[in-house]
Amino acid sequence: MDDLLNPHRKWMKAALREAERAFEADEVPVGAVVVRGNVIVGRGHNMVERLEDPTAHAELIAITAACSTMGTKNLTGCTLYVTLEPCPMCAGATVLSRLDRIVFGAFDEKAGAASTLFNIPQDPRLNHRAEIISGIEEERCAELLQEFFRRKRTQGGDLTRDA
């Protein structure tokens, strides 16, 4: 019932499922889905380690999948749901793909580019701007990241990765 009152929570839970997939794969647990209407048209989770690709962030994978599904590079009419505030690279991709809206869970104090350090998606100097909604399922999104890094510290894992 709660999801009917707040559809953003419904889609963020789908992004959280993607983040959990990343967690299980020993990737920084960030997940994303792109929604058009009432349908997920793209989904992704971090795959930086698996693909050995620093650009394999959840947002970019979800945006690429959405463009493939829709057969266009223009994602007007779509919303990106992501568990962590996008970094500068991913925020730039939201502008280039012309997403209408970005909804994120946890704020990223070290690399956040959708409100914390920068606000690339709403920069008036750029040719497109996206609405930003923050803090949806923030606690759960942050807990998943905290648990991942807590385990890494206790296991002596590599903490040099970016979220």
C-alpha atoms as a PDB file:
ATOM      1  CA  MET A   1       0.000   0.000   0.000  1.00  0.00           C
ATOM      2  CA  ASP A   2       2.865   2.333   0.889  1.00  0.00           C
ATOM      3  CA  ASP A   3       4.310   1.978  -2.643  1.00  0.00           C
ATOM      4  CA  LEU A   4       0.995   3.038  -4.146  1.00  0.00           C
ATOM      5  CA  LEU A   5       1.225   6.291  -2.213  1.00  0.00           C
ATOM      6  CA  ASN A   6       4.879   6.828  -3.115  1.00  0.00           C
ATOM      7  CA  PRO A   7       5.806   5.246  -6.454  1.00  0.00           C
ATOM      8  CA  HIS A   8       9.391   6.472  -6.048  1.00  0.00           C
ATOM      9  CA  ARG A   9       9.826   3.949  -3.219  1.00  0.00           C
ATOM     10  CA  LYS A  10       8.657   1.120  -5.493  1.00  0.00           C
ATOM     11  CA  TRP A  11      11.268   1.882  -8.139  1.00  0.00           C
ATOM     12  CA  MET A  12      14.003   2.554  -5.594  1.00  0.00           C
ATOM     13  CA  LYS A  13      13.372  -0.908  -4.189  1.00  0.00           C
ATOM     14  CA  ALA A  14      14.030  -2.276  -7.690  1.00  0.00           C
ATOM     15  CA  ALA A  15      17.299  -0.304  -7.733  1.00  0.00           C
ATOM     16  CA  LEU A  16      18.117  -1.727  -4.289  1.00  0.00           C
ATOM     17  CA  ARG A  17      17.668  -5.248  -5.670  1.00  0.00           C
ATOM     18  CA  GLU A  18      20.272  -4.368  -8.296  1.00  0.00           C
ATOM     19  CA  ALA A  19      22.569  -3.014  -5.556  1.00  0.00           C
ATOM     20  CA  GLU A  20      22.180  -6.292  -3.672  1.00  0.00           C
ATOM     21  CA  ARG A  21      23.288  -8.144  -6.818  1.00  0.00           C
ATOM     22  CA  ALA A  22      26.419  -5.987  -6.863  1.00  0.00           C
ATOM     23  CA  PHE A  23      26.996  -6.704  -3.152  1.00  0.00           C
ATOM     24  CA  GLU A  24      26.763 -10.459  -3.799  1.00  0.00           C
ATOM     25  CA  ALA A  25      29.287 -10.095  -6.644  1.00  0.00           C
ATOM     26  CA  ASP A  26      31.727  -8.227  -4.350  1.00  0.00           C
ATOM     27  CA  GLU A  27      31.148  -4.960  -6.200  1.00  0.00           C
ATOM     28  CA  VAL A  28      30.412  -1.645  -4.512  1.00  0.00           C
ATOM     29  CA  PRO A  29      26.644  -2.062  -3.984  1.00  0.00           C
ATOM     30  CA  VAL A  30      25.085   0.558  -6.199  1.00  0.00           C
ATOM     31  CA  GLY A  31      22.062  -0.278  -8.309  1.00  0.00           C
ATOM     32  CA  ALA A  32      20.012   1.631 -10.847  1.00  0.00           C
ATOM     33  CA  VAL A  33      16.872   1.314 -12.947  1.00  0.00           C
ATOM     34  CA  VAL A  34      15.497   3.536 -15.698  1.00  0.00           C
ATOM     35  CA  VAL A  35      11.708   3.783 -15.735  1.00  0.00           C
ATOM     36  CA  ARG A  36       9.415   5.045 -18.475  1.00  0.00           C
ATOM     37  CA  GLY A  37       5.731   5.163 -17.608  1.00  0.00           C
ATOM     38  CA  ASN A  38       5.246   2.199 -15.349  1.00  0.00           C
ATOM     39  CA  VAL A  39       7.926  -0.046 -16.894  1.00  0.00           C
ATOM     40  CA  ILE A  40      11.616  -0.605 -16.190  1.00  0.00           C
ATOM     41  CA  VAL A  41      13.378  -0.113 -19.535  1.00  0.00           C
ATOM     42  CA  GLY A  42      16.928  -0.455 -18.208  1.00  0.00           C
ATOM     43  CA  ARG A  43      18.655  -1.819 -15.153  1.00  0.00           C
ATOM     44  CA  GLY A  44      22.185  -2.170 -13.919  1.00  0.00           C
ATOM     45  CA  HIS A  45      24.491  -2.542 -10.983  1.00  0.00           C
ATOM     46  CA  ASN A  46      28.157  -1.736 -10.516  1.00  0.00           C
ATOM     47  CA  MET A  47      30.414  -4.047 -12.512  1.00  0.00           C
ATOM     48  CA  VAL A  48      33.697  -2.146 -12.234  1.00  0.00           C
ATOM     49  CA  GLU A  49      35.641  -5.076 -10.782  1.00  0.00           C
ATOM     50  CA  ARG A  50      34.119  -7.815 -12.933  1.00  0.00           C
ATOM     51  CA  LEU A  51      34.622  -5.908 -16.186  1.00  0.00           C
ATOM     52  CA  GLU A  52      37.843  -4.194 -15.016  1.00  0.00           C
ATOM     53  CA  ASP A  53      36.296  -1.000 -16.328  1.00  0.00           C
ATOM     54  CA  PRO A  54      36.207   2.189 -14.236  1.00  0.00           C
ATOM     55  CA  THR A  55      33.175   3.389 -16.230  1.00  0.00           C
ATOM     56  CA  ALA A  56      31.029   0.324 -15.453  1.00  0.00           C
ATOM     57  CA  HIS A  57      28.891   2.180 -12.925  1.00  0.00           C
ATOM     58  CA  ALA A  58      25.297   1.133 -12.296  1.00  0.00           C
ATOM     59  CA  GLU A  59      23.889   4.307 -13.859  1.00  0.00           C
ATOM     60  CA  LEU A  60      25.811   3.923 -17.108  1.00  0.00           C
ATOM     61  CA  ILE A  61      24.833   0.282 -17.437  1.00  0.00           C
ATOM     62  CA  ALA A  62      21.165   1.126 -16.798  1.00  0.00           C
ATOM     63  CA  ILE A  63      21.233   4.070 -19.228  1.00  0.00           C
ATOM     64  CA  THR A  64      22.864   1.921 -21.937  1.00  0.00           C
ATOM     65  CA  ALA A  65      20.255  -0.801 -21.406  1.00  0.00           C
ATOM     66  CA  ALA A  66      17.424   1.746 -21.583  1.00  0.00           C
ATOM     67  CA  CYS A  67      18.763   3.233 -24.808  1.00  0.00           C
ATOM     68  CA  SER A  68      18.994  -0.264 -26.284  1.00  0.00           C
ATOM     69  CA  THR A  69      15.469  -1.177 -25.159  1.00  0.00           C
ATOM     70  CA  MET A  70      14.000   2.038 -26.519  1.00  0.00           C
ATOM     71  CA  GLY A  71      16.148   2.181 -29.643  1.00  0.00           C
ATOM     72  CA  THR A  72      17.229   5.759 -29.002  1.00  0.00           C
ATOM     73  CA  LYS A  73      19.896   7.805 -27.235  1.00  0.00           C
ATOM     74  CA  ASN A  74      17.221  10.235 -26.027  1.00  0.00           C
ATOM     75  CA  LEU A  75      15.637   9.162 -22.731  1.00  0.00           C
ATOM     76  CA  THR A  76      13.167  12.031 -22.486  1.00  0.00           C
ATOM     77  CA  GLY A  77      10.187  10.825 -20.484  1.00  0.00           C
ATOM     78  CA  CYS A  78      12.333   8.529 -18.332  1.00  0.00           C
ATOM     79  CA  THR A  79      13.436   8.596 -14.707  1.00  0.00           C
ATOM     80  CA  LEU A  80      16.688   7.166 -13.356  1.00  0.00           C
ATOM     81  CA  TYR A  81      16.454   5.604  -9.893  1.00  0.00           C
ATOM     82  CA  VAL A  82      19.839   4.992  -8.292  1.00  0.00           C
ATOM     83  CA  THR A  83      20.784   3.992  -4.765  1.00  0.00           C
ATOM     84  CA  LEU A  84      23.709   6.439  -4.497  1.00  0.00           C
ATOM     85  CA  GLU A  85      23.975  10.011  -5.715  1.00  0.00           C
ATOM     86  CA  PRO A  86      25.591   9.983  -9.168  1.00  0.00           C
ATOM     87  CA  CYS A  87      29.270  10.860  -9.576  1.00  0.00           C
ATOM     88  CA  PRO A  88      30.337  13.521 -12.120  1.00  0.00           C
ATOM     89  CA  MET A  89      30.659  10.947 -14.920  1.00  0.00           C
ATOM     90  CA  CYS A  90      27.212   9.487 -14.315  1.00  0.00           C
ATOM     91  CA  ALA A  91      25.602  12.879 -13.752  1.00  0.00           C
ATOM     92  CA  GLY A  92      27.021  13.963 -17.097  1.00  0.00           C
ATOM     93  CA  ALA A  93      25.520  10.874 -18.736  1.00  0.00           C
ATOM     94  CA  THR A  94      22.101  11.821 -17.357  1.00  0.00           C
ATOM     95  CA  VAL A  95      22.381  15.190 -19.070  1.00  0.00           C
ATOM     96  CA  LEU A  96      23.586  13.687 -22.360  1.00  0.00           C
ATOM     97  CA  SER A  97      20.791  11.107 -22.372  1.00  0.00           C
ATOM     98  CA  ARG A  98      18.196  13.791 -21.554  1.00  0.00           C
ATOM     99  CA  LEU A  99      16.618  11.977 -18.618  1.00  0.00           C
ATOM    100  CA  ASP A 100      13.702  13.927 -17.146  1.00  0.00           C
ATOM    101  CA  ARG A 101      14.421  13.057 -13.551  1.00  0.00           C
ATOM    102  CA  ILE A 102      17.012  11.518 -11.236  1.00  0.00           C
ATOM    103  CA  VAL A 103      15.857   9.947  -7.990  1.00  0.00           C
ATOM    104  CA  PHE A 104      18.597   8.800  -5.639  1.00  0.00           C
ATOM    105  CA  GLY A 105      18.793   7.276  -2.200  1.00  0.00           C
ATOM    106  CA  ALA A 106      22.019   7.999  -0.302  1.00  0.00           C
ATOM    107  CA  PHE A 107      24.078  11.167  -0.649  1.00  0.00           C
ATOM    108  CA  ASP A 108      27.730  10.774  -1.690  1.00  0.00           C
ATOM    109  CA  GLU A 109      29.909  13.192   0.272  1.00  0.00           C
ATOM    110  CA  LYS A 110      33.048  12.221  -1.664  1.00  0.00           C
ATOM    111  CA  ALA A 111      31.837  12.283  -5.276  1.00  0.00           C
ATOM    112  CA  GLY A 112      28.194  13.377  -5.368  1.00  0.00           C
ATOM    113  CA  ALA A 113      27.431  15.424  -8.465  1.00  0.00           C
ATOM    114  CA  ALA A 114      23.651  15.766  -8.226  1.00  0.00           C
ATOM    115  CA  SER A 115      23.609  18.059  -5.173  1.00  0.00           C
ATOM    116  CA  THR A 116      26.428  17.344  -2.700  1.00  0.00           C
ATOM    117  CA  LEU A 117      29.661  18.526  -4.384  1.00  0.00           C
ATOM    118  CA  PHE A 118      28.236  19.598  -7.747  1.00  0.00           C
ATOM    119  CA  ASN A 119      24.822  19.776  -9.346  1.00  0.00           C
ATOM    120  CA  ILE A 120      25.596  18.831 -12.930  1.00  0.00           C
ATOM    121  CA  PRO A 121      22.033  17.761 -13.888  1.00  0.00           C
ATOM    122  CA  GLN A 122      20.685  21.209 -13.031  1.00  0.00           C
ATOM    123  CA  ASP A 123      23.564  23.370 -14.220  1.00  0.00           C
ATOM    124  CA  PRO A 124      21.991  26.169 -16.292  1.00  0.00           C
ATOM    125  CA  ARG A 125      25.085  26.347 -18.499  1.00  0.00           C
ATOM    126  CA  LEU A 126      24.312  22.907 -19.945  1.00  0.00           C
ATOM    127  CA  ASN A 127      21.808  22.172 -22.701  1.00  0.00           C
ATOM    128  CA  HIS A 128      19.553  19.937 -20.586  1.00  0.00           C
ATOM    129  CA  ARG A 129      18.430  19.891 -16.981  1.00  0.00           C
ATOM    130  CA  ALA A 130      16.859  17.100 -14.958  1.00  0.00           C
ATOM    131  CA  GLU A 131      14.690  17.246 -11.868  1.00  0.00           C
ATOM    132  CA  ILE A 132      16.399  15.761  -8.814  1.00  0.00           C
ATOM    133  CA  ILE A 133      14.649  13.978  -5.964  1.00  0.00           C
ATOM    134  CA  SER A 134      16.902  12.768  -3.163  1.00  0.00           C
ATOM    135  CA  GLY A 135      16.707  10.689  -0.015  1.00  0.00           C
ATOM    136  CA  ILE A 136      14.278   7.993  -1.220  1.00  0.00           C
ATOM    137  CA  GLU A 137      14.976   4.849   0.864  1.00  0.00           C
ATOM    138  CA  GLU A 138      18.112   6.705   1.981  1.00  0.00           C
ATOM    139  CA  GLU A 139      18.629   4.678   5.138  1.00  0.00           C
ATOM    140  CA  ARG A 140      18.498   1.295   3.385  1.00  0.00           C
ATOM    141  CA  CYS A 141      20.724   2.510   0.545  1.00  0.00           C
ATOM    142  CA  ALA A 142      23.315   3.841   3.003  1.00  0.00           C
ATOM    143  CA  GLU A 143      23.161   0.713   5.186  1.00  0.00           C
ATOM    144  CA  LEU A 144      24.002  -1.527   2.239  1.00  0.00           C
ATOM    145  CA  LEU A 145      27.063   0.568   1.373  1.00  0.00           C
ATOM    146  CA  GLN A 146      28.159   0.744   5.011  1.00  0.00           C
ATOM    147  CA  GLU A 147      27.858  -3.021   5.415  1.00  0.00           C
ATOM    148  CA  PHE A 148      29.888  -3.621   2.257  1.00  0.00           C
ATOM    149  CA  PHE A 149      32.756  -1.392   3.384  1.00  0.00           C
ATOM    150  CA  ARG A 150      32.588  -2.709   6.959  1.00  0.00           C
ATOM    151  CA  ARG A 151      33.107  -6.244   5.586  1.00  0.00           C
ATOM    152  CA  LYS A 152      35.925  -5.051   3.340  1.00  0.00           C
ATOM    153  CA  ARG A 153      37.731  -3.489   6.291  1.00  0.00           C
ATOM    154  CA  THR A 154      37.394  -6.603   8.455  1.00  0.00           C
ATOM    155  CA  GLN A 155      38.478  -8.862   5.569  1.00  0.00           C
ATOM    156  CA  GLY A 156      41.378  -6.617   4.627  1.00  0.00           C
ATOM    157  CA  GLY A 157      39.878  -6.053   1.197  1.00  0.00           C
ATOM    158  CA  ASP A 158      40.750  -3.469  -1.403  1.00  0.00           C
ATOM    159  CA  LEU A 159      39.203  -0.155  -0.390  1.00  0.00           C
ATOM    160  CA  THR A 160      40.593   1.833  -3.286  1.00  0.00           C
ATOM    161  CA  ARG A 161      37.467   1.425  -5.426  1.00  0.00           C
ATOM    162  CA  ASP A 162      35.116   4.273  -6.049  1.00  0.00           C
ATOM    163  CA  ALA A 163      31.438   3.897  -5.271  1.00  0.00           C
END
